[in-house]
């Protein structure tokens, strides 16, 4: 019976390759996965929510009355930030994939995604939360 051996570099994984180093690409990957999952869960909830009109119109109205609640408004702000980050990070991914030279600018691109998410998200959050900020709804 013949045995074959391979070079150690082909069969062993160096431990330093398994360590999460927290660089911008890794944070972008993690943020993209989490925001994508949250958006997907919202879409499932939204489908159930909208389908309630076919089940019971009064229940549908009561359910939509809850959306004025501060807790659900904060949830909507989180959804806004998740949507913004996920879409802008998707554009970043496309840029890195189609323009190989952008890889060296990956950290700046991620910083730009985070900055644009905040720049676009904060005014949106103010609009969503305005009834509570203005004090008309308590």
N, C-alpha and C. Protein backbone atom coordinates (compact mmCIF):
# COMPACT_ATOMS: atom_id res chain seq x y z
N UNK A 1 0.83 -1.17 0.00
CA UNK A 1 0.00 0.00 0.00
C UNK A 1 0.89 1.25 0.00
N UNK A 2 0.64 2.08 -0.94
CA UNK A 2 1.45 3.29 -1.07
C UNK A 2 0.81 4.43 -0.30
N UNK A 3 1.61 5.21 0.31
CA UNK A 3 1.11 6.39 1.03
C UNK A 3 1.66 7.63 0.35
N UNK A 4 0.85 8.62 0.37
CA UNK A 4 1.29 9.89 -0.20
C UNK A 4 1.38 10.91 0.91
N UNK A 5 2.33 11.74 0.81
CA UNK A 5 2.47 12.80 1.79
C UNK A 5 2.39 14.13 1.07
N UNK A 6 1.88 15.06 1.78
CA UNK A 6 1.79 16.41 1.22
C UNK A 6 2.60 17.34 2.09
N UNK A 7 2.95 18.42 1.54
CA UNK A 7 3.72 19.42 2.29
C UNK A 7 2.89 19.93 3.45
N UNK A 8 3.51 20.21 4.60
CA UNK A 8 2.76 20.67 5.77
C UNK A 8 1.95 21.93 5.51
N UNK A 9 2.42 22.79 4.62
CA UNK A 9 1.69 24.03 4.36
C UNK A 9 0.34 23.78 3.67
N UNK A 10 0.20 22.64 3.01
CA UNK A 10 -1.05 22.33 2.32
C UNK A 10 -2.09 21.71 3.25
N UNK A 11 -1.67 21.08 4.31
CA UNK A 11 -2.63 20.37 5.16
C UNK A 11 -2.92 21.07 6.48
N UNK A 12 -2.05 21.90 6.93
CA UNK A 12 -2.27 22.55 8.22
C UNK A 12 -2.72 23.98 8.00
N UNK A 13 -3.53 24.42 8.91
CA UNK A 13 -4.01 25.80 8.87
C UNK A 13 -3.28 26.55 9.97
N UNK A 14 -2.67 27.61 9.61
CA UNK A 14 -1.95 28.40 10.62
C UNK A 14 -2.94 29.04 11.57
N UNK A 15 -2.69 28.98 12.87
CA UNK A 15 -3.63 29.54 13.85
C UNK A 15 -3.86 31.05 13.68
N UNK A 16 -2.85 31.78 13.20
CA UNK A 16 -3.04 33.22 13.04
C UNK A 16 -4.01 33.54 11.91
N UNK A 17 -4.31 32.60 11.04
CA UNK A 17 -5.28 32.81 9.97
C UNK A 17 -6.72 32.64 10.47
N UNK A 18 -6.91 32.06 11.64
CA UNK A 18 -8.24 31.83 12.17
C UNK A 18 -8.70 32.93 13.12
N UNK A 19 -7.82 33.84 13.45
CA UNK A 19 -8.13 34.88 14.43
C UNK A 19 -8.85 36.03 13.75
N UNK A 20 -9.93 36.45 14.37
CA UNK A 20 -10.67 37.61 13.87
C UNK A 20 -9.92 38.85 14.30
N UNK A 21 -9.43 39.59 13.35
CA UNK A 21 -8.58 40.73 13.67
C UNK A 21 -9.34 42.05 13.71
N UNK A 22 -10.61 42.04 13.35
CA UNK A 22 -11.42 43.25 13.46
C UNK A 22 -11.09 44.35 12.48
N UNK A 23 -10.62 43.98 11.30
CA UNK A 23 -10.34 45.01 10.30
C UNK A 23 -11.64 45.43 9.62
N UNK A 24 -11.58 46.51 8.87
CA UNK A 24 -12.79 47.09 8.29
C UNK A 24 -13.55 46.12 7.39
N UNK A 25 -12.85 45.31 6.62
CA UNK A 25 -13.54 44.35 5.74
C UNK A 25 -14.32 43.32 6.53
N UNK A 26 -13.78 42.91 7.66
CA UNK A 26 -14.47 41.94 8.49
C UNK A 26 -15.71 42.56 9.14
N UNK A 27 -15.59 43.81 9.58
CA UNK A 27 -16.74 44.50 10.17
C UNK A 27 -17.81 44.75 9.10
N UNK A 28 -17.37 45.07 7.88
CA UNK A 28 -18.33 45.28 6.79
C UNK A 28 -19.07 43.98 6.49
N UNK A 29 -18.34 42.86 6.47
CA UNK A 29 -18.96 41.56 6.22
C UNK A 29 -20.00 41.26 7.31
N UNK A 30 -19.60 41.42 8.56
CA UNK A 30 -20.50 41.14 9.68
C UNK A 30 -21.73 42.06 9.65
N UNK A 31 -21.49 43.34 9.42
CA UNK A 31 -22.61 44.29 9.35
C UNK A 31 -23.55 43.99 8.20
N UNK A 32 -22.98 43.57 7.07
CA UNK A 32 -23.80 43.25 5.90
C UNK A 32 -24.69 42.04 6.18
N UNK A 33 -24.13 41.03 6.82
CA UNK A 33 -24.92 39.83 7.15
C UNK A 33 -26.02 40.14 8.15
N UNK A 34 -25.69 40.88 9.20
CA UNK A 34 -26.68 41.20 10.23
C UNK A 34 -27.77 42.09 9.67
N UNK A 35 -27.39 43.13 8.93
CA UNK A 35 -28.41 44.03 8.37
C UNK A 35 -29.27 43.30 7.35
N UNK A 36 -28.69 42.41 6.57
CA UNK A 36 -29.47 41.63 5.61
C UNK A 36 -30.48 40.73 6.31
N UNK A 37 -30.06 40.10 7.39
CA UNK A 37 -30.97 39.26 8.17
C UNK A 37 -32.11 40.08 8.76
N UNK A 38 -31.78 41.25 9.31
CA UNK A 38 -32.82 42.10 9.91
C UNK A 38 -33.82 42.60 8.86
N UNK A 39 -33.33 42.96 7.70
CA UNK A 39 -34.22 43.41 6.63
C UNK A 39 -35.11 42.25 6.18
N UNK A 40 -34.54 41.06 6.06
CA UNK A 40 -35.32 39.88 5.69
C UNK A 40 -36.42 39.61 6.72
N UNK A 41 -36.08 39.68 8.00
CA UNK A 41 -37.08 39.45 9.05
C UNK A 41 -38.19 40.50 8.99
N UNK A 42 -37.82 41.75 8.71
CA UNK A 42 -38.84 42.78 8.55
C UNK A 42 -39.76 42.46 7.38
N UNK A 43 -39.20 42.02 6.28
CA UNK A 43 -40.03 41.69 5.12
C UNK A 43 -41.02 40.58 5.44
N UNK A 44 -40.58 39.58 6.18
CA UNK A 44 -41.51 38.52 6.60
C UNK A 44 -42.62 39.09 7.47
N UNK A 45 -42.25 39.93 8.44
CA UNK A 45 -43.24 40.57 9.30
C UNK A 45 -44.20 41.44 8.49
N UNK A 46 -43.65 42.14 7.51
CA UNK A 46 -44.47 43.02 6.68
C UNK A 46 -45.48 42.22 5.85
N UNK A 47 -45.06 41.07 5.34
CA UNK A 47 -45.98 40.23 4.57
C UNK A 47 -47.13 39.76 5.45
N UNK A 48 -46.82 39.32 6.66
CA UNK A 48 -47.86 38.89 7.60
C UNK A 48 -48.76 40.08 7.95
N UNK A 49 -48.14 41.21 8.21
CA UNK A 49 -48.89 42.42 8.58
C UNK A 49 -49.88 42.82 7.48
N UNK A 50 -49.41 42.90 6.27
CA UNK A 50 -50.28 43.33 5.16
C UNK A 50 -51.35 42.28 4.86
N UNK A 51 -51.02 41.01 5.02
CA UNK A 51 -52.01 39.97 4.74
C UNK A 51 -53.15 39.96 5.75
N UNK A 52 -52.99 40.65 6.88
CA UNK A 52 -54.05 40.71 7.88
C UNK A 52 -55.31 41.41 7.36
N UNK A 53 -55.16 42.23 6.34
CA UNK A 53 -56.33 42.91 5.78
C UNK A 53 -57.32 41.90 5.22
N UNK A 54 -56.82 40.77 4.72
CA UNK A 54 -57.69 39.74 4.18
C UNK A 54 -58.33 38.89 5.27
N UNK A 55 -57.71 38.85 6.44
CA UNK A 55 -58.22 38.04 7.55
C UNK A 55 -59.28 38.80 8.33
N UNK A 56 -58.90 40.00 8.79
CA UNK A 56 -59.81 40.79 9.62
C UNK A 56 -59.41 42.26 9.50
N UNK A 57 -60.28 43.05 8.90
CA UNK A 57 -59.98 44.46 8.67
C UNK A 57 -59.80 45.23 9.98
N UNK A 58 -60.59 44.88 11.00
CA UNK A 58 -60.45 45.58 12.28
C UNK A 58 -59.11 45.26 12.94
N UNK A 59 -58.70 44.01 12.88
CA UNK A 59 -57.40 43.62 13.42
C UNK A 59 -56.27 44.32 12.69
N UNK A 60 -56.43 44.46 11.38
CA UNK A 60 -55.44 45.18 10.57
C UNK A 60 -55.33 46.62 11.04
N UNK A 61 -56.47 47.28 11.26
CA UNK A 61 -56.46 48.66 11.73
C UNK A 61 -55.83 48.79 13.11
N UNK A 62 -56.13 47.86 14.00
CA UNK A 62 -55.54 47.88 15.34
C UNK A 62 -54.02 47.69 15.26
N UNK A 63 -53.61 46.78 14.41
CA UNK A 63 -52.19 46.52 14.25
C UNK A 63 -51.46 47.75 13.74
N UNK A 64 -52.06 48.43 12.78
CA UNK A 64 -51.44 49.64 12.25
C UNK A 64 -51.52 50.80 13.23
N UNK A 65 -52.45 50.74 14.15
CA UNK A 65 -52.49 51.75 15.21
C UNK A 65 -51.29 51.64 16.14
N UNK A 66 -50.73 50.43 16.25
CA UNK A 66 -49.55 50.23 17.09
C UNK A 66 -48.30 50.91 16.52
N UNK A 67 -48.29 51.16 15.22
CA UNK A 67 -47.09 51.72 14.60
C UNK A 67 -46.81 53.14 15.06
N UNK A 68 -47.74 53.78 15.71
CA UNK A 68 -47.48 55.10 16.27
C UNK A 68 -46.78 55.04 17.61
N UNK A 69 -46.63 53.84 18.16
CA UNK A 69 -45.98 53.62 19.44
C UNK A 69 -44.49 53.98 19.35
N UNK A 70 -43.94 54.55 20.42
CA UNK A 70 -42.53 54.95 20.41
C UNK A 70 -41.60 53.75 20.19
N UNK A 71 -41.94 52.60 20.77
CA UNK A 71 -41.08 51.43 20.62
C UNK A 71 -41.00 50.98 19.16
N UNK A 72 -42.12 50.99 18.47
CA UNK A 72 -42.10 50.58 17.07
C UNK A 72 -41.50 51.66 16.18
N UNK A 73 -41.61 52.92 16.60
CA UNK A 73 -40.93 53.97 15.84
C UNK A 73 -39.42 53.81 15.95
N UNK A 74 -38.94 53.44 17.12
CA UNK A 74 -37.50 53.19 17.28
C UNK A 74 -37.09 51.98 16.44
N UNK A 75 -37.94 50.98 16.38
CA UNK A 75 -37.70 49.82 15.52
C UNK A 75 -37.59 50.26 14.06
N UNK A 76 -38.44 51.18 13.64
CA UNK A 76 -38.40 51.69 12.27
C UNK A 76 -37.11 52.45 12.00
N UNK A 77 -36.62 53.17 13.00
CA UNK A 77 -35.34 53.86 12.84
C UNK A 77 -34.22 52.84 12.65
N UNK A 78 -34.24 51.77 13.44
CA UNK A 78 -33.26 50.70 13.26
C UNK A 78 -33.35 50.08 11.88
N UNK A 79 -34.57 49.89 11.40
CA UNK A 79 -34.78 49.35 10.06
C UNK A 79 -34.21 50.30 9.01
N UNK A 80 -34.42 51.60 9.19
CA UNK A 80 -33.88 52.59 8.26
C UNK A 80 -32.36 52.47 8.18
N UNK A 81 -31.70 52.41 9.34
CA UNK A 81 -30.24 52.30 9.35
C UNK A 81 -29.78 50.98 8.75
N UNK A 82 -30.50 49.90 9.01
CA UNK A 82 -30.14 48.60 8.43
C UNK A 82 -30.27 48.63 6.91
N UNK A 83 -31.35 49.23 6.41
CA UNK A 83 -31.55 49.32 4.96
C UNK A 83 -30.48 50.19 4.31
N UNK A 84 -30.18 51.32 4.92
CA UNK A 84 -29.16 52.20 4.37
C UNK A 84 -27.80 51.53 4.34
N UNK A 85 -27.41 50.94 5.47
CA UNK A 85 -26.10 50.29 5.53
C UNK A 85 -26.02 49.13 4.54
N UNK A 86 -27.05 48.31 4.50
CA UNK A 86 -27.02 47.14 3.64
C UNK A 86 -26.93 47.55 2.16
N UNK A 87 -27.69 48.55 1.77
CA UNK A 87 -27.65 48.96 0.36
C UNK A 87 -26.33 49.65 0.01
N UNK A 88 -25.86 50.55 0.86
CA UNK A 88 -24.60 51.23 0.57
C UNK A 88 -23.41 50.27 0.62
N UNK A 89 -23.43 49.33 1.55
CA UNK A 89 -22.35 48.35 1.60
C UNK A 89 -22.41 47.42 0.39
N UNK A 90 -23.60 47.16 -0.11
CA UNK A 90 -23.72 46.38 -1.34
C UNK A 90 -23.08 47.09 -2.52
N UNK A 91 -23.24 48.41 -2.58
CA UNK A 91 -22.57 49.19 -3.63
C UNK A 91 -21.05 49.12 -3.45
N UNK A 92 -20.59 49.18 -2.20
CA UNK A 92 -19.15 49.05 -1.92
C UNK A 92 -18.62 47.70 -2.40
N UNK A 93 -19.38 46.65 -2.13
CA UNK A 93 -18.97 45.30 -2.56
C UNK A 93 -18.87 45.22 -4.08
N UNK A 94 -19.84 45.79 -4.76
CA UNK A 94 -19.82 45.79 -6.23
C UNK A 94 -18.60 46.55 -6.74
N UNK A 95 -18.31 47.69 -6.11
CA UNK A 95 -17.14 48.48 -6.54
C UNK A 95 -15.84 47.69 -6.36
N UNK A 96 -15.70 47.01 -5.24
CA UNK A 96 -14.49 46.22 -4.99
C UNK A 96 -14.42 45.03 -5.95
N UNK A 97 -15.57 44.43 -6.26
CA UNK A 97 -15.58 43.28 -7.17
C UNK A 97 -15.26 43.66 -8.61
N UNK A 98 -15.82 44.76 -9.07
CA UNK A 98 -15.66 45.12 -10.47
C UNK A 98 -14.42 45.97 -10.75
N UNK A 99 -13.91 46.63 -9.75
CA UNK A 99 -12.72 47.46 -9.91
C UNK A 99 -11.65 46.98 -8.93
N UNK A 100 -10.80 46.03 -9.35
CA UNK A 100 -9.82 45.43 -8.44
C UNK A 100 -8.92 46.44 -7.74
N UNK A 101 -8.69 47.58 -8.35
CA UNK A 101 -7.85 48.60 -7.72
C UNK A 101 -8.48 49.21 -6.47
N UNK A 102 -9.77 49.01 -6.32
CA UNK A 102 -10.46 49.56 -5.16
C UNK A 102 -10.16 48.79 -3.87
N UNK A 103 -9.59 47.62 -3.99
CA UNK A 103 -9.29 46.82 -2.81
C UNK A 103 -8.36 47.58 -1.87
N UNK A 104 -7.42 48.31 -2.42
CA UNK A 104 -6.50 49.05 -1.55
C UNK A 104 -7.20 50.24 -0.88
N UNK A 105 -8.35 50.65 -1.40
CA UNK A 105 -9.13 51.73 -0.78
C UNK A 105 -10.29 51.19 0.04
N UNK A 106 -10.27 49.91 0.36
CA UNK A 106 -11.41 49.25 1.02
C UNK A 106 -11.75 49.91 2.35
N UNK A 107 -10.73 50.28 3.12
CA UNK A 107 -10.99 50.90 4.43
C UNK A 107 -11.68 52.26 4.26
N UNK A 108 -11.24 53.03 3.30
CA UNK A 108 -11.89 54.33 3.04
C UNK A 108 -13.32 54.14 2.53
N UNK A 109 -13.52 53.14 1.70
CA UNK A 109 -14.87 52.85 1.21
C UNK A 109 -15.80 52.48 2.36
N UNK A 110 -15.31 51.64 3.28
CA UNK A 110 -16.13 51.26 4.43
C UNK A 110 -16.43 52.48 5.32
N UNK A 111 -15.44 53.33 5.51
CA UNK A 111 -15.66 54.56 6.28
C UNK A 111 -16.71 55.43 5.59
N UNK A 112 -16.65 55.49 4.27
CA UNK A 112 -17.64 56.25 3.51
C UNK A 112 -19.04 55.66 3.65
N UNK A 113 -19.14 54.34 3.65
CA UNK A 113 -20.43 53.67 3.84
C UNK A 113 -21.00 54.02 5.21
N UNK A 114 -20.16 53.93 6.23
CA UNK A 114 -20.61 54.25 7.59
C UNK A 114 -21.02 55.72 7.70
N UNK A 115 -20.24 56.61 7.10
CA UNK A 115 -20.55 58.03 7.16
C UNK A 115 -21.85 58.35 6.41
N UNK A 116 -22.00 57.80 5.21
CA UNK A 116 -23.23 58.04 4.45
C UNK A 116 -24.46 57.45 5.15
N UNK A 117 -24.28 56.32 5.81
CA UNK A 117 -25.38 55.73 6.57
C UNK A 117 -25.83 56.69 7.66
N UNK A 118 -24.88 57.29 8.36
CA UNK A 118 -25.23 58.24 9.41
C UNK A 118 -25.80 59.54 8.84
N UNK A 119 -25.17 60.05 7.78
CA UNK A 119 -25.62 61.32 7.19
C UNK A 119 -27.04 61.21 6.66
N UNK A 120 -27.38 60.09 6.05
CA UNK A 120 -28.73 59.91 5.52
C UNK A 120 -29.69 59.40 6.59
N UNK A 121 -29.18 58.64 7.55
CA UNK A 121 -30.05 58.03 8.55
C UNK A 121 -30.51 58.96 9.66
N UNK A 122 -29.66 59.87 10.07
CA UNK A 122 -30.03 60.76 11.18
C UNK A 122 -31.21 61.66 10.81
N UNK A 123 -31.20 62.33 9.64
CA UNK A 123 -32.39 63.12 9.29
C UNK A 123 -33.65 62.24 9.16
N UNK A 124 -33.49 61.04 8.62
CA UNK A 124 -34.62 60.12 8.51
C UNK A 124 -35.14 59.72 9.88
N UNK A 125 -34.23 59.50 10.82
CA UNK A 125 -34.62 59.16 12.18
C UNK A 125 -35.38 60.30 12.84
N UNK A 126 -34.94 61.51 12.57
CA UNK A 126 -35.63 62.68 13.13
C UNK A 126 -37.05 62.76 12.58
N UNK A 127 -37.21 62.52 11.28
CA UNK A 127 -38.55 62.56 10.69
C UNK A 127 -39.44 61.47 11.30
N UNK A 128 -38.91 60.27 11.46
CA UNK A 128 -39.69 59.17 12.02
C UNK A 128 -40.08 59.45 13.46
N UNK A 129 -39.16 60.02 14.22
CA UNK A 129 -39.41 60.26 15.65
C UNK A 129 -39.97 61.66 15.94
N UNK A 130 -40.20 62.46 14.91
CA UNK A 130 -40.61 63.85 15.12
C UNK A 130 -41.85 64.02 16.02
N UNK A 131 -42.88 63.21 15.89
CA UNK A 131 -44.03 63.41 16.79
C UNK A 131 -43.65 63.31 18.27
N UNK A 132 -42.66 62.52 18.59
CA UNK A 132 -42.22 62.38 19.99
C UNK A 132 -41.23 63.47 20.36
N UNK A 133 -40.41 63.90 19.40
CA UNK A 133 -39.47 64.99 19.65
C UNK A 133 -40.23 66.29 19.85
N UNK A 134 -41.25 66.50 19.03
CA UNK A 134 -42.07 67.72 19.10
C UNK A 134 -42.96 67.74 20.34
N UNK A 135 -43.19 66.60 20.92
CA UNK A 135 -44.00 66.52 22.13
C UNK A 135 -45.49 66.41 21.89
N UNK A 136 -45.90 66.21 20.65
CA UNK A 136 -47.34 66.09 20.35
C UNK A 136 -47.88 64.74 20.72
N UNK A 137 -47.00 63.71 20.75
CA UNK A 137 -47.45 62.37 21.14
C UNK A 137 -46.58 61.94 22.30
N UNK A 138 -47.21 61.56 23.36
CA UNK A 138 -46.45 61.08 24.53
C UNK A 138 -46.88 59.70 24.91
